[in-house]
């Protein structure tokens, strides 16, 4: 939820444009930072009522690069750039894009995936025994399956031995 609604922002901007005082005076009157009022006025003058509305802030890497190139070509400040392109998030957004571009190129401007990563799917069982009945298997298939099962048993024995050794080491450390 936004801190200030659109009606409030518009009333502050209208008060400023009607000559109700400067940024400092309006800041004291409404209890809002004067930089915030300056931002609202600039956004309103550049984009009208839509400059004061809540807007999504997801931009593609190509759009970010076009904004940066325009800013560099026209020698605009960060503040002028955010008002011209109606960007949300303040001047820090554009300066962050510029820093990322200089560090990693256009790939650094690509939006990052949001939210938690999707859980991994459990691996499908690859045991040869689940494929077909024993009667239909050839001798080579049975030998491969036997080799696989022997390796699996050996692995589990080794794992069990390591766990036991770790438990014994932990017990000997506890005793003074």
Protein backbone atom coordinates (compact mmCIF):
# COMPACT_ATOMS: atom_id res chain seq x y z
CA UNK A 1 0.00 0.00 0.00
CA UNK A 2 1.26 3.48 -0.81
CA UNK A 3 1.91 5.97 1.93
CA UNK A 4 0.05 8.81 0.21
CA UNK A 5 -3.01 8.41 -1.98
CA UNK A 6 -3.43 10.12 -5.35
CA UNK A 7 -5.92 12.72 -4.05
CA UNK A 8 -3.48 13.90 -1.41
CA UNK A 9 -0.60 14.11 -3.89
CA UNK A 10 -2.75 16.04 -6.35
CA UNK A 11 -3.93 18.49 -3.67
CA UNK A 12 -0.31 19.20 -2.64
CA UNK A 13 0.73 19.70 -6.28
CA UNK A 14 -2.28 21.95 -6.96
CA UNK A 15 -1.45 23.99 -3.85
CA UNK A 16 2.11 24.44 -5.13
CA UNK A 17 1.01 25.37 -8.65
CA UNK A 18 -1.58 27.84 -7.26
CA UNK A 19 1.23 29.68 -5.47
CA UNK A 20 0.49 28.33 -1.99
CA UNK A 21 4.20 28.48 -1.17
CA UNK A 22 7.50 26.89 -1.97
CA UNK A 23 8.57 23.34 -1.34
CA UNK A 24 9.77 24.10 2.20
CA UNK A 25 6.57 25.86 3.22
CA UNK A 26 4.38 23.09 1.78
CA UNK A 27 6.60 20.50 3.44
CA UNK A 28 5.88 22.03 6.85
CA UNK A 29 2.19 22.47 6.03
CA UNK A 30 1.54 18.88 4.90
CA UNK A 31 4.25 17.04 6.85
CA UNK A 32 5.89 15.68 3.73
CA UNK A 33 9.56 15.83 2.75
CA UNK A 34 10.21 18.76 0.39
CA UNK A 35 12.11 16.46 -2.00
CA UNK A 36 9.01 14.28 -2.24
CA UNK A 37 6.87 17.32 -3.11
CA UNK A 38 9.45 18.36 -5.72
CA UNK A 39 9.22 14.86 -7.22
CA UNK A 40 5.40 14.94 -7.31
CA UNK A 41 5.36 18.36 -8.99
CA UNK A 42 7.90 17.26 -11.61
CA UNK A 43 6.00 14.04 -12.31
CA UNK A 44 2.72 15.94 -12.59
CA UNK A 45 4.15 18.59 -14.94
CA UNK A 46 5.73 15.95 -17.18
CA UNK A 47 2.95 13.31 -17.20
CA UNK A 48 -0.20 14.90 -15.79
CA UNK A 49 -2.43 12.91 -13.45
CA UNK A 50 -0.82 9.63 -14.51
CA UNK A 51 2.46 10.84 -13.00
CA UNK A 52 0.89 10.64 -9.54
CA UNK A 53 -0.72 7.20 -9.89
CA UNK A 54 0.71 3.92 -8.67
CA UNK A 55 2.42 2.06 -11.45
CA UNK A 56 4.15 -1.27 -11.93
CA UNK A 57 7.92 -1.07 -11.88
CA UNK A 58 9.00 -4.11 -13.91
CA UNK A 59 11.08 -3.09 -16.92
CA UNK A 60 12.87 -5.18 -19.54
CA UNK A 61 16.62 -4.96 -20.08
CA UNK A 62 16.06 -3.37 -23.51
CA UNK A 63 13.86 -0.64 -22.03
CA UNK A 64 16.43 0.09 -19.31
CA UNK A 65 19.17 0.36 -21.93
CA UNK A 66 17.06 2.74 -24.07
CA UNK A 67 16.46 4.94 -21.01
CA UNK A 68 20.18 5.04 -20.19
CA UNK A 69 21.20 5.77 -23.78
CA UNK A 70 18.64 8.60 -24.00
CA UNK A 71 19.86 10.03 -20.71
CA UNK A 72 23.48 9.97 -21.88
CA UNK A 73 22.68 11.32 -25.36
CA UNK A 74 20.56 14.22 -24.06
CA UNK A 75 22.80 14.73 -21.00
CA UNK A 76 19.84 14.51 -18.62
CA UNK A 77 20.03 14.25 -14.84
CA UNK A 78 18.59 11.24 -13.05
CA UNK A 79 15.69 13.38 -11.86
CA UNK A 80 14.87 14.60 -15.38
CA UNK A 81 15.09 11.03 -16.67
CA UNK A 82 12.65 9.56 -14.16
CA UNK A 83 10.14 12.32 -14.92
CA UNK A 84 10.55 12.00 -18.68
CA UNK A 85 10.01 8.23 -18.68
CA UNK A 86 7.55 8.23 -15.75
CA UNK A 87 9.67 5.79 -13.74
CA UNK A 88 8.82 4.82 -10.17
CA UNK A 89 11.29 4.42 -7.33
CA UNK A 90 13.14 7.72 -7.50
CA UNK A 91 16.48 8.65 -8.94
CA UNK A 92 18.13 5.66 -7.29
CA UNK A 93 16.49 3.37 -9.83
CA UNK A 94 18.22 4.96 -12.82
CA UNK A 95 21.55 5.35 -11.02
CA UNK A 96 21.37 1.66 -10.09
CA UNK A 97 20.69 0.73 -13.71
CA UNK A 98 23.68 2.81 -14.81
CA UNK A 99 25.98 1.21 -12.24
CA UNK A 100 24.83 -2.29 -13.18
CA UNK A 101 25.29 -1.55 -16.88
CA UNK A 102 28.87 -0.36 -16.35
CA UNK A 103 29.66 -3.42 -14.22
CA UNK A 104 28.06 -6.17 -16.32
CA UNK A 105 26.62 -4.83 -19.57
CA UNK A 106 23.08 -5.41 -20.80
CA UNK A 107 22.89 -8.84 -19.15
CA UNK A 108 23.17 -7.18 -15.73
CA UNK A 109 20.05 -5.14 -16.54
CA UNK A 110 17.88 -8.22 -17.06
CA UNK A 111 15.18 -8.54 -14.41
CA UNK A 112 15.86 -11.16 -11.76
CA UNK A 113 13.26 -13.84 -11.03
CA UNK A 114 11.13 -12.91 -8.05
CA UNK A 115 9.93 -15.11 -5.24
CA UNK A 116 11.09 -18.46 -4.04
CA UNK A 117 12.63 -20.90 -6.49
CA UNK A 118 10.37 -23.73 -7.53
CA UNK A 119 11.07 -27.02 -5.74
CA UNK A 120 13.03 -29.63 -7.60
CA UNK A 121 11.17 -32.62 -8.92
CA UNK A 122 12.17 -35.91 -7.31
CA UNK A 123 14.41 -38.00 -9.56
CA UNK A 124 12.78 -40.80 -11.43
CA UNK A 125 13.85 -44.26 -10.24
CA UNK A 126 16.49 -45.67 -12.56
CA UNK A 127 16.70 -49.18 -11.20
CA UNK A 128 16.78 -51.64 -14.05
CA UNK A 129 14.53 -54.09 -12.15
CA UNK A 130 11.46 -51.88 -12.56
CA UNK A 131 11.60 -51.98 -16.35
CA UNK A 132 10.55 -55.52 -17.20
CA UNK A 133 9.92 -58.90 -15.54
CA UNK A 134 12.90 -61.16 -14.80
CA UNK A 135 11.77 -63.87 -17.26
CA UNK A 136 12.04 -61.48 -20.24
CA UNK A 137 15.55 -60.18 -19.42
CA UNK A 138 18.66 -61.34 -21.19
CA UNK A 139 21.73 -62.61 -19.39
CA UNK A 140 23.58 -59.31 -19.97
CA UNK A 141 20.71 -57.28 -18.52
CA UNK A 142 20.59 -59.50 -15.44
CA UNK A 143 24.37 -59.17 -15.00
CA UNK A 144 24.14 -55.35 -15.26
CA UNK A 145 21.31 -55.28 -12.74
CA UNK A 146 23.28 -57.52 -10.38
CA UNK A 147 26.33 -55.24 -10.70
CA UNK A 148 24.18 -52.19 -10.00
CA UNK A 149 22.66 -53.77 -6.90
CA UNK A 150 26.08 -54.83 -5.61
CA UNK A 151 27.37 -51.26 -6.02
CA UNK A 152 24.30 -49.92 -4.22
CA UNK A 153 24.81 -52.30 -1.29
CA UNK A 154 28.52 -51.45 -1.10
CA UNK A 155 27.70 -47.73 -1.11
CA UNK A 156 25.17 -48.11 1.70
CA UNK A 157 27.65 -50.18 3.77
CA UNK A 158 30.32 -47.52 3.35
CA UNK A 159 27.87 -44.77 4.27
CA UNK A 160 26.81 -46.67 7.39
CA UNK A 161 30.47 -47.16 8.39
CA UNK A 162 31.15 -43.42 7.98
CA UNK A 163 28.13 -42.49 10.10
CA UNK A 164 29.21 -44.90 12.85
CA UNK A 165 32.77 -43.55 12.79
CA UNK A 166 31.48 -40.01 13.09
CA UNK A 167 29.26 -40.96 16.05
CA UNK A 168 32.17 -42.68 17.81
CA UNK A 169 34.40 -39.65 17.24
CA UNK A 170 31.73 -37.39 18.69
CA UNK A 171 31.40 -39.64 21.76
CA UNK A 172 35.16 -39.69 22.40
CA UNK A 173 35.30 -35.88 22.19
CA UNK A 174 32.60 -35.57 24.86
CA UNK A 175 34.47 -37.64 27.40
CA UNK A 176 37.18 -35.62 29.23
